[in-house]
């Protein structure tokens, strides 16, 4: 089980790191690739009504990542910080969907989906509640936006306390981001080929971002 940690950073888009605990020496042998699931089949689904379904339980001075009355809640208590959590499910290609709602803090925030998470490396698909979006990659502690030079605005994003339905497709080298059914961004990148799926939230200069997520689903693309 990996454990994700909160931390502050001067780099705008850095995400939290994690530590992998060694499990000892293992003997490996020939393996057989499992069959690819049928397109459209559900690979994993979570309504967050079971606190033992695999997501992190964190509550400290930096923030909160935990189940909360049938949703998953991420609170970022400090400025210029991101936090992410995963349920321990890994996929090469995946279509990931979730409902995200800001319940407190500034509209200038980050909330979204992560895919191909491996240690400090991942792709992120985020919106802010003041109407901005971005697709990006973090590798070796360095983050860049993909397919855009800065966060861009979209009228597809519902501002304030409204529910936004997010969808991220990580399929081969193509990364696609949908907000409320509208394709808002697409990028091509070959850096990361597989890893865990997850959720991410973050702050800019204003702290106390408070986001809840519900109806998380992973579908075979």
Protein backbone atom coordinates (compact mmCIF):
# COMPACT_ATOMS: atom_id res chain seq x y z
CA UNK A 1 0.00 0.00 0.00
CA UNK A 2 1.42 3.37 -0.87
CA UNK A 3 0.91 6.41 1.26
CA UNK A 4 0.49 9.85 -0.30
CA UNK A 5 1.78 12.82 1.64
CA UNK A 6 0.89 16.51 1.63
CA UNK A 7 3.58 19.09 1.03
CA UNK A 8 4.07 22.70 -0.02
CA UNK A 9 6.01 23.70 -3.09
CA UNK A 10 7.09 26.77 -5.00
CA UNK A 11 6.43 24.91 -8.23
CA UNK A 12 2.86 25.72 -9.19
CA UNK A 13 1.75 22.28 -10.33
CA UNK A 14 3.80 19.86 -8.22
CA UNK A 15 1.81 16.99 -6.75
CA UNK A 16 2.40 15.06 -3.57
CA UNK A 17 4.95 12.32 -3.48
CA UNK A 18 4.58 8.85 -2.14
CA UNK A 19 6.81 6.20 -0.63
CA UNK A 20 6.75 2.57 -1.70
CA UNK A 21 7.50 0.13 1.09
CA UNK A 22 9.68 -2.84 0.08
CA UNK A 23 8.00 -6.24 0.32
CA UNK A 24 11.16 -8.33 0.23
CA UNK A 25 12.81 -10.37 -2.47
CA UNK A 26 10.47 -12.09 -4.87
CA UNK A 27 11.09 -14.73 -7.51
CA UNK A 28 9.57 -13.86 -10.84
CA UNK A 29 8.65 -16.28 -13.59
CA UNK A 30 6.89 -16.31 -16.91
CA UNK A 31 3.62 -14.44 -16.91
CA UNK A 32 0.62 -14.50 -19.21
CA UNK A 33 -1.04 -11.21 -20.14
CA UNK A 34 -4.70 -11.23 -19.07
CA UNK A 35 -7.26 -10.71 -21.83
CA UNK A 36 -8.22 -7.08 -22.53
CA UNK A 37 -11.70 -6.34 -21.13
CA UNK A 38 -14.48 -5.60 -23.57
CA UNK A 39 -14.74 -1.92 -24.49
CA UNK A 40 -17.25 -0.16 -22.26
CA UNK A 41 -16.98 -2.66 -19.42
CA UNK A 42 -16.65 -1.31 -15.87
CA UNK A 43 -13.19 -1.97 -14.43
CA UNK A 44 -13.74 -0.30 -11.04
CA UNK A 45 -16.52 1.72 -9.47
CA UNK A 46 -16.79 3.48 -6.11
CA UNK A 47 -19.62 5.50 -4.58
CA UNK A 48 -17.49 6.02 -1.44
CA UNK A 49 -20.04 4.40 0.83
CA UNK A 50 -17.47 1.84 2.04
CA UNK A 51 -14.52 3.42 3.91
CA UNK A 52 -12.52 0.24 3.33
CA UNK A 53 -12.60 0.40 -0.49
CA UNK A 54 -8.93 1.36 -0.71
CA UNK A 55 -8.55 5.15 -0.66
CA UNK A 56 -6.26 7.01 1.77
CA UNK A 57 -7.28 8.12 5.25
CA UNK A 58 -5.25 11.26 6.03
CA UNK A 59 -6.02 14.08 8.47
CA UNK A 60 -3.23 16.38 9.60
CA UNK A 61 -2.19 20.03 9.69
CA UNK A 62 -1.68 20.11 5.91
CA UNK A 63 -5.04 18.73 4.91
CA UNK A 64 -7.56 15.93 4.75
CA UNK A 65 -8.00 13.02 2.35
CA UNK A 66 -10.75 10.72 3.55
CA UNK A 67 -14.25 9.33 3.12
CA UNK A 68 -16.98 11.65 4.38
CA UNK A 69 -20.61 10.54 4.51
CA UNK A 70 -20.75 8.84 1.12
CA UNK A 71 -18.24 11.04 -0.75
CA UNK A 72 -14.45 11.32 -0.86
CA UNK A 73 -13.17 14.61 0.47
CA UNK A 74 -9.86 16.36 -0.13
CA UNK A 75 -9.12 19.50 1.89
CA UNK A 76 -5.95 21.45 1.09
CA UNK A 77 -5.28 23.66 4.11
CA UNK A 78 -2.16 25.42 2.79
CA UNK A 79 -1.51 27.60 -0.24
CA UNK A 80 0.39 26.43 -3.33
CA UNK A 81 -0.10 22.77 -2.55
CA UNK A 82 -1.61 19.73 -4.21
CA UNK A 83 -2.82 16.42 -2.81
CA UNK A 84 -3.77 13.22 -4.57
CA UNK A 85 -5.16 9.86 -3.58
CA UNK A 86 -5.62 6.51 -5.30
CA UNK A 87 -7.62 3.33 -4.56
CA UNK A 88 -4.72 1.07 -5.51
CA UNK A 89 -6.05 0.21 -8.98
CA UNK A 90 -3.67 0.22 -11.95
CA UNK A 91 -4.46 0.26 -15.67
CA UNK A 92 -2.62 0.83 -18.92
CA UNK A 93 -5.60 2.44 -20.68
CA UNK A 94 -8.66 3.77 -18.87
CA UNK A 95 -11.62 6.09 -19.11
CA UNK A 96 -12.13 7.67 -15.69
CA UNK A 97 -15.18 9.67 -14.62
CA UNK A 98 -16.17 11.42 -11.39
CA UNK A 99 -18.41 14.18 -10.05
CA UNK A 100 -16.52 17.01 -8.34
CA UNK A 101 -18.01 19.72 -6.10
CA UNK A 102 -16.34 22.58 -4.28
CA UNK A 103 -17.90 22.89 -0.82
CA UNK A 104 -15.52 25.47 0.65
CA UNK A 105 -12.57 27.73 -0.01
CA UNK A 106 -11.64 29.81 -3.04
CA UNK A 107 -12.94 29.28 -6.58
CA UNK A 108 -9.33 29.62 -7.70
CA UNK A 109 -8.44 26.00 -7.01
CA UNK A 110 -7.68 22.69 -8.70
CA UNK A 111 -9.87 19.60 -8.73
CA UNK A 112 -9.75 16.62 -11.00
CA UNK A 113 -8.52 13.20 -12.05
CA UNK A 114 -5.11 11.57 -12.13
CA UNK A 115 -4.06 8.61 -14.24
CA UNK A 116 -0.92 6.50 -14.72
CA UNK A 117 0.25 7.37 -11.22
CA UNK A 118 3.65 5.87 -10.40
CA UNK A 119 5.35 7.38 -7.38
CA UNK A 120 5.77 11.07 -8.18
CA UNK A 121 4.89 10.58 -11.85
CA UNK A 122 1.36 11.03 -13.21
CA UNK A 123 -0.94 12.72 -15.68
CA UNK A 124 -3.46 15.19 -14.25
CA UNK A 125 -6.73 16.59 -15.63
CA UNK A 126 -7.97 19.51 -13.52
CA UNK A 127 -10.48 22.34 -13.46
CA UNK A 128 -10.87 25.37 -11.22
CA UNK A 129 -14.20 26.66 -10.02
CA UNK A 130 -13.52 30.02 -11.64
CA UNK A 131 -13.67 28.35 -15.05
CA UNK A 132 -10.18 27.16 -16.00
CA UNK A 133 -8.85 23.75 -17.05
CA UNK A 134 -5.63 22.00 -17.88
CA UNK A 135 -4.03 18.66 -18.79
CA UNK A 136 -0.54 18.10 -17.45
CA UNK A 137 2.25 15.70 -16.62
CA UNK A 138 4.46 15.43 -13.55
CA UNK A 139 7.67 13.45 -13.84
CA UNK A 140 10.56 13.52 -11.39
CA UNK A 141 9.01 16.38 -9.44
CA UNK A 142 8.70 18.64 -12.49
CA UNK A 143 5.26 19.51 -13.87
CA UNK A 144 4.27 20.82 -17.29
CA UNK A 145 0.98 21.47 -19.04
CA UNK A 146 0.40 19.43 -22.19
CA UNK A 147 -1.13 20.87 -25.33
CA UNK A 148 -1.38 24.36 -23.78
CA UNK A 149 1.02 26.92 -22.34
CA UNK A 150 -1.30 28.10 -19.55
CA UNK A 151 -4.61 27.18 -17.94
CA UNK A 152 -7.43 28.04 -20.34
CA UNK A 153 -11.04 29.06 -19.77
CA UNK A 154 -14.10 27.08 -20.79
CA UNK A 155 -17.80 27.85 -20.52
CA UNK A 156 -18.37 24.11 -20.00
CA UNK A 157 -17.14 24.46 -16.40
CA UNK A 158 -19.88 25.29 -13.90
CA UNK A 159 -18.58 27.88 -11.41
CA UNK A 160 -18.93 28.08 -7.67
CA UNK A 161 -20.69 25.30 -5.75
CA UNK A 162 -22.12 23.49 -8.79
CA UNK A 163 -21.41 19.84 -9.62
CA UNK A 164 -18.96 19.30 -12.49
CA UNK A 165 -18.84 15.89 -14.14
CA UNK A 166 -15.26 15.16 -15.21
CA UNK A 167 -13.96 12.52 -17.58
CA UNK A 168 -10.34 11.72 -18.41
CA UNK A 169 -9.40 9.26 -21.17
CA UNK A 170 -5.87 7.87 -21.02
CA UNK A 171 -5.65 5.73 -24.15
CA UNK A 172 -2.25 4.96 -25.61
CA UNK A 173 -0.48 8.27 -26.14
CA UNK A 174 -3.74 10.27 -26.35
CA UNK A 175 -5.03 12.15 -23.31
CA UNK A 176 -8.55 13.59 -23.54
CA UNK A 177 -10.39 15.73 -20.99
CA UNK A 178 -14.16 16.18 -20.91
CA UNK A 179 -16.11 18.51 -18.63
CA UNK A 180 -19.88 18.04 -18.36
CA UNK A 181 -19.87 16.08 -21.60
CA UNK A 182 -17.79 18.57 -23.62
CA UNK A 183 -14.29 17.81 -24.88
CA UNK A 184 -12.24 20.75 -23.57
CA UNK A 185 -8.68 19.55 -24.16
CA UNK A 186 -6.64 16.84 -25.80
CA UNK A 187 -2.91 16.16 -25.80
CA UNK A 188 -0.43 13.58 -27.06
CA UNK A 189 2.29 12.27 -24.75
CA UNK A 190 4.23 9.01 -24.63
CA UNK A 191 6.04 9.43 -21.31
CA UNK A 192 3.81 7.38 -19.00
CA UNK A 193 2.35 4.07 -20.18
CA UNK A 194 0.47 2.75 -17.15
CA UNK A 195 -0.19 3.15 -13.45
CA UNK A 196 -2.81 3.89 -10.83
CA UNK A 197 -5.93 5.98 -11.25
CA UNK A 198 -6.87 8.63 -8.69
CA UNK A 199 -8.21 12.01 -7.62
CA UNK A 200 -6.37 15.29 -7.17
CA UNK A 201 -7.10 18.67 -5.58
CA UNK A 202 -4.90 21.68 -5.04
CA UNK A 203 -4.61 25.33 -4.10
CA UNK A 204 -2.99 28.37 -5.63
CA UNK A 205 -2.07 31.22 -3.26
CA UNK A 206 -5.32 30.97 -1.26
CA UNK A 207 -5.53 28.01 1.15
CA UNK A 208 -8.42 25.89 2.47
CA UNK A 209 -9.60 24.39 -0.80
CA UNK A 210 -12.35 21.89 0.05
CA UNK A 211 -13.47 19.46 -2.69
CA UNK A 212 -15.70 16.39 -2.53
CA UNK A 213 -15.87 13.66 -5.18
CA UNK A 214 -18.60 11.11 -5.89
CA UNK A 215 -19.54 8.42 -8.43
CA UNK A 216 -15.99 7.45 -9.36
CA UNK A 217 -15.89 4.95 -12.22
CA UNK A 218 -13.19 3.44 -14.42
CA UNK A 219 -14.29 2.06 -17.82
CA UNK A 220 -12.40 0.10 -20.44
CA UNK A 221 -12.00 2.50 -23.40
